[in-house]
């Protein structure tokens, strides 16, 4: 195979956001009690017949705190809550 024959993969869009929180909220294995900057990312991780699967991750500068998935349904709202107070809700787009 020649380099010119390799087709680039489509650019994946990643939603990135930042907030401050104590990492111990993500689990007792994280000992830091003081708030630290946390980066969240959401991306399309796959598709099922009944949903679009979103990848979701949260990390500090030093470690990944959570790396999971959320199934976004096209026909009704979907909700995932991995730790108390941190939830992802997706809703279908209404078409006129």
N, C-alpha and C. Protein backbone atom coordinates (compact mmCIF):
# COMPACT_ATOMS: atom_id res chain seq x y z
N UNK A 1 0.85 -1.17 0.00
CA UNK A 1 0.00 0.00 0.00
C UNK A 1 0.90 1.23 0.00
N UNK A 2 0.53 2.18 -0.81
CA UNK A 2 1.28 3.42 -0.89
C UNK A 2 0.63 4.46 0.02
N UNK A 3 1.45 5.37 0.48
CA UNK A 3 0.97 6.43 1.39
C UNK A 3 -0.20 7.19 0.76
N UNK A 4 -0.16 7.43 -0.53
CA UNK A 4 -1.22 8.17 -1.22
C UNK A 4 -2.54 7.40 -1.23
N UNK A 5 -2.48 6.07 -1.01
CA UNK A 5 -3.69 5.24 -1.00
C UNK A 5 -4.42 5.28 0.34
N UNK A 6 -3.78 5.80 1.36
CA UNK A 6 -4.39 5.85 2.69
C UNK A 6 -5.31 7.07 2.77
N UNK A 7 -6.56 6.81 3.03
CA UNK A 7 -7.55 7.88 3.14
C UNK A 7 -7.63 8.35 4.60
N UNK A 8 -7.63 9.65 4.82
CA UNK A 8 -7.74 10.13 6.20
C UNK A 8 -9.12 9.81 6.77
N UNK A 9 -9.15 9.53 8.08
CA UNK A 9 -10.43 9.32 8.74
C UNK A 9 -11.12 10.67 8.90
N UNK A 10 -12.45 10.67 8.90
CA UNK A 10 -13.15 11.93 9.10
C UNK A 10 -12.79 12.54 10.44
N UNK A 11 -12.69 13.85 10.47
CA UNK A 11 -12.36 14.55 11.71
C UNK A 11 -13.47 14.34 12.73
N UNK A 12 -13.10 13.86 13.89
CA UNK A 12 -14.09 13.64 14.94
C UNK A 12 -14.23 14.92 15.77
N UNK A 13 -15.46 15.29 16.03
CA UNK A 13 -15.71 16.47 16.86
C UNK A 13 -15.76 16.04 18.31
N UNK A 14 -15.07 16.78 19.15
CA UNK A 14 -15.03 16.51 20.58
C UNK A 14 -15.49 17.77 21.31
N UNK A 15 -16.48 17.62 22.17
CA UNK A 15 -16.93 18.71 23.02
C UNK A 15 -16.07 18.67 24.28
N UNK A 16 -15.33 19.74 24.54
CA UNK A 16 -14.46 19.81 25.70
C UNK A 16 -14.92 20.95 26.59
N UNK A 17 -14.94 20.69 27.90
CA UNK A 17 -15.32 21.72 28.87
C UNK A 17 -14.50 21.53 30.13
N UNK A 18 -14.44 22.56 30.96
CA UNK A 18 -13.62 22.56 32.17
C UNK A 18 -14.42 23.02 33.37
N UNK A 19 -14.11 22.48 34.52
CA UNK A 19 -14.69 22.94 35.78
C UNK A 19 -13.76 22.53 36.91
N UNK A 20 -13.97 23.11 38.08
CA UNK A 20 -13.19 22.76 39.26
C UNK A 20 -14.03 21.91 40.19
N UNK A 21 -13.45 20.83 40.69
CA UNK A 21 -14.13 19.95 41.65
C UNK A 21 -13.08 19.12 42.37
N UNK A 22 -13.47 18.58 43.51
CA UNK A 22 -12.57 17.69 44.26
C UNK A 22 -12.61 16.31 43.61
N UNK A 23 -11.47 15.76 43.19
CA UNK A 23 -11.45 14.46 42.53
C UNK A 23 -12.05 13.32 43.35
N UNK A 24 -12.04 13.44 44.69
CA UNK A 24 -12.59 12.35 45.51
C UNK A 24 -14.08 12.12 45.23
N UNK A 25 -14.76 13.08 44.63
CA UNK A 25 -16.17 12.89 44.27
C UNK A 25 -16.33 11.81 43.20
N UNK A 26 -15.27 11.50 42.47
CA UNK A 26 -15.31 10.47 41.43
C UNK A 26 -15.02 9.08 41.99
N UNK A 27 -14.68 8.98 43.25
CA UNK A 27 -14.43 7.68 43.86
C UNK A 27 -13.44 7.79 45.00
N UNK A 28 -13.55 6.86 45.95
CA UNK A 28 -12.70 6.91 47.13
C UNK A 28 -11.23 6.66 46.82
N UNK A 29 -10.91 6.11 45.64
CA UNK A 29 -9.52 5.88 45.29
C UNK A 29 -8.78 7.17 44.98
N UNK A 30 -9.50 8.28 44.77
CA UNK A 30 -8.89 9.58 44.52
C UNK A 30 -8.90 10.36 45.83
N UNK A 31 -7.73 10.60 46.36
CA UNK A 31 -7.62 11.15 47.71
C UNK A 31 -7.70 12.67 47.79
N UNK A 32 -7.49 13.36 46.70
CA UNK A 32 -7.48 14.83 46.74
C UNK A 32 -8.83 15.37 47.19
N UNK A 33 -8.81 16.19 48.23
CA UNK A 33 -10.04 16.77 48.76
C UNK A 33 -10.28 18.20 48.29
N UNK A 34 -9.21 18.85 47.88
CA UNK A 34 -9.33 20.23 47.41
C UNK A 34 -9.72 20.26 45.93
N UNK A 35 -10.49 21.26 45.52
CA UNK A 35 -10.88 21.35 44.10
C UNK A 35 -9.65 21.47 43.18
N UNK A 36 -9.73 20.78 42.05
CA UNK A 36 -8.71 20.83 41.01
C UNK A 36 -9.40 21.08 39.68
N UNK A 37 -8.68 21.63 38.71
CA UNK A 37 -9.27 21.75 37.37
C UNK A 37 -9.52 20.36 36.78
N UNK A 38 -10.72 20.16 36.27
CA UNK A 38 -11.10 18.91 35.64
C UNK A 38 -11.56 19.21 34.22
N UNK A 39 -11.10 18.39 33.30
CA UNK A 39 -11.49 18.53 31.90
C UNK A 39 -12.47 17.42 31.55
N UNK A 40 -13.58 17.80 30.95
CA UNK A 40 -14.57 16.84 30.47
C UNK A 40 -14.57 16.80 28.96
N UNK A 41 -14.76 15.62 28.40
CA UNK A 41 -14.84 15.44 26.95
C UNK A 41 -16.03 14.56 26.61
N UNK A 42 -16.72 14.90 25.52
CA UNK A 42 -17.82 14.09 25.00
C UNK A 42 -17.60 13.96 23.50
N UNK A 43 -17.71 12.73 22.98
CA UNK A 43 -17.51 12.48 21.56
C UNK A 43 -18.41 11.32 21.11
N UNK A 44 -18.60 11.20 19.82
CA UNK A 44 -19.37 10.08 19.29
C UNK A 44 -18.48 8.85 19.29
N UNK A 45 -18.86 7.83 20.07
CA UNK A 45 -18.05 6.63 20.23
C UNK A 45 -18.56 5.46 19.39
N UNK A 46 -19.78 5.57 18.89
CA UNK A 46 -20.33 4.48 18.10
C UNK A 46 -21.82 4.68 17.87
N UNK A 47 -22.40 3.71 17.18
CA UNK A 47 -23.83 3.76 16.89
C UNK A 47 -24.43 2.39 17.11
N UNK A 48 -25.64 2.41 17.62
CA UNK A 48 -26.44 1.20 17.73
C UNK A 48 -27.68 1.42 16.88
N UNK A 49 -28.46 0.39 16.75
CA UNK A 49 -29.69 0.53 15.96
C UNK A 49 -30.64 1.54 16.61
N UNK A 50 -30.62 1.63 17.93
CA UNK A 50 -31.58 2.48 18.63
C UNK A 50 -30.96 3.69 19.32
N UNK A 51 -29.65 3.93 19.14
CA UNK A 51 -29.02 5.04 19.85
C UNK A 51 -27.68 5.42 19.22
N UNK A 52 -27.25 6.63 19.52
CA UNK A 52 -25.88 7.06 19.24
C UNK A 52 -25.14 6.96 20.56
N UNK A 53 -24.02 6.28 20.55
CA UNK A 53 -23.25 6.08 21.78
C UNK A 53 -22.22 7.20 21.89
N UNK A 54 -22.29 7.93 23.00
CA UNK A 54 -21.34 9.01 23.27
C UNK A 54 -20.30 8.52 24.27
N UNK A 55 -19.04 8.79 23.97
CA UNK A 55 -17.98 8.57 24.94
C UNK A 55 -17.91 9.77 25.85
N UNK A 56 -17.68 9.54 27.13
CA UNK A 56 -17.63 10.62 28.12
C UNK A 56 -16.43 10.37 29.02
N UNK A 57 -15.58 11.38 29.19
CA UNK A 57 -14.45 11.23 30.09
C UNK A 57 -14.24 12.49 30.91
N UNK A 58 -13.69 12.29 32.10
CA UNK A 58 -13.32 13.38 32.99
C UNK A 58 -11.92 13.08 33.51
N UNK A 59 -11.05 14.10 33.52
CA UNK A 59 -9.67 13.88 33.93
C UNK A 59 -9.09 15.14 34.55
N UNK A 60 -8.16 14.93 35.48
CA UNK A 60 -7.33 16.02 35.97
C UNK A 60 -6.08 16.03 35.09
N UNK A 61 -5.15 16.91 35.39
CA UNK A 61 -3.90 16.93 34.61
C UNK A 61 -3.09 15.66 34.83
N UNK A 62 -3.35 14.94 35.92
CA UNK A 62 -2.54 13.79 36.28
C UNK A 62 -3.19 12.43 36.06
N UNK A 63 -4.55 12.37 36.03
CA UNK A 63 -5.18 11.04 35.92
C UNK A 63 -6.58 11.13 35.33
N UNK A 64 -7.00 10.03 34.75
CA UNK A 64 -8.37 9.91 34.25
C UNK A 64 -9.25 9.52 35.43
N UNK A 65 -10.31 10.27 35.65
CA UNK A 65 -11.23 10.01 36.76
C UNK A 65 -12.39 9.12 36.34
N UNK A 66 -12.84 9.28 35.10
CA UNK A 66 -13.98 8.51 34.61
C UNK A 66 -13.90 8.45 33.10
N UNK A 67 -14.12 7.27 32.55
CA UNK A 67 -14.17 7.09 31.10
C UNK A 67 -15.30 6.08 30.85
N UNK A 68 -16.40 6.56 30.27
CA UNK A 68 -17.59 5.72 30.15
C UNK A 68 -18.37 6.08 28.89
N UNK A 69 -19.57 5.55 28.78
CA UNK A 69 -20.43 5.80 27.61
C UNK A 69 -21.83 6.20 28.03
N UNK A 70 -22.50 6.86 27.11
CA UNK A 70 -23.90 7.29 27.29
C UNK A 70 -24.62 7.01 25.99
N UNK A 71 -25.77 6.35 26.05
CA UNK A 71 -26.56 6.06 24.86
C UNK A 71 -27.59 7.18 24.67
N UNK A 72 -27.41 7.98 23.64
CA UNK A 72 -28.33 9.08 23.31
C UNK A 72 -29.39 8.53 22.35
N UNK A 73 -30.64 8.58 22.77
CA UNK A 73 -31.74 8.00 21.99
C UNK A 73 -32.34 9.06 21.06
N UNK A 74 -32.73 8.67 19.84
CA UNK A 74 -33.33 9.64 18.92
C UNK A 74 -34.81 9.88 19.17
N UNK A 75 -35.45 9.01 19.96
CA UNK A 75 -36.90 9.09 20.14
C UNK A 75 -37.34 9.60 21.50
N UNK A 76 -36.44 9.67 22.48
CA UNK A 76 -36.80 10.13 23.82
C UNK A 76 -35.56 10.56 24.58
N UNK A 77 -35.73 11.35 25.63
CA UNK A 77 -34.58 11.78 26.42
C UNK A 77 -33.87 10.57 27.07
N UNK A 78 -32.58 10.71 27.27
CA UNK A 78 -31.78 9.69 27.95
C UNK A 78 -30.95 10.39 29.03
N UNK A 79 -30.81 9.73 30.16
CA UNK A 79 -30.10 10.33 31.30
C UNK A 79 -29.10 9.33 31.86
N UNK A 80 -27.90 9.79 32.13
CA UNK A 80 -26.87 8.99 32.80
C UNK A 80 -26.33 9.81 33.97
N UNK A 81 -26.23 9.18 35.12
CA UNK A 81 -25.63 9.82 36.29
C UNK A 81 -24.60 8.85 36.86
N UNK A 82 -23.33 9.22 36.77
CA UNK A 82 -22.26 8.33 37.20
C UNK A 82 -21.85 8.59 38.64
N UNK A 83 -21.91 9.84 39.05
CA UNK A 83 -21.69 10.21 40.44
C UNK A 83 -22.79 11.19 40.81
N UNK A 84 -23.11 11.26 42.08
CA UNK A 84 -24.20 12.14 42.50
C UNK A 84 -23.89 13.58 42.10
N UNK A 85 -24.82 14.18 41.39
CA UNK A 85 -24.69 15.57 40.97
C UNK A 85 -24.04 15.78 39.62
N UNK A 86 -23.55 14.73 39.00
CA UNK A 86 -22.94 14.84 37.68
C UNK A 86 -23.74 13.95 36.73
N UNK A 87 -24.55 14.60 35.89
CA UNK A 87 -25.39 13.83 34.99
C UNK A 87 -25.33 14.40 33.59
N UNK A 88 -25.60 13.54 32.64
CA UNK A 88 -25.68 13.92 31.24
C UNK A 88 -27.08 13.56 30.76
N UNK A 89 -27.76 14.55 30.21
CA UNK A 89 -29.11 14.34 29.68
C UNK A 89 -29.08 14.75 28.20
N UNK A 90 -29.51 13.84 27.35
CA UNK A 90 -29.64 14.16 25.93
C UNK A 90 -31.11 14.07 25.56
N UNK A 91 -31.50 14.93 24.64
CA UNK A 91 -32.89 14.98 24.17
C UNK A 91 -32.90 14.98 22.65
N UNK A 92 -33.93 14.37 22.05
CA UNK A 92 -34.01 14.39 20.58
C UNK A 92 -34.30 15.80 20.09
N UNK A 93 -33.86 16.07 18.88
CA UNK A 93 -34.11 17.36 18.24
C UNK A 93 -35.53 17.35 17.72
N UNK A 94 -36.28 18.38 18.02
CA UNK A 94 -37.64 18.50 17.47
C UNK A 94 -37.58 19.08 16.09
N UNK A 95 -38.22 18.42 15.17
CA UNK A 95 -38.25 18.90 13.78
C UNK A 95 -39.61 19.47 13.49
N UNK A 96 -39.61 20.59 12.78
CA UNK A 96 -40.87 21.26 12.45
C UNK A 96 -41.34 20.90 11.09
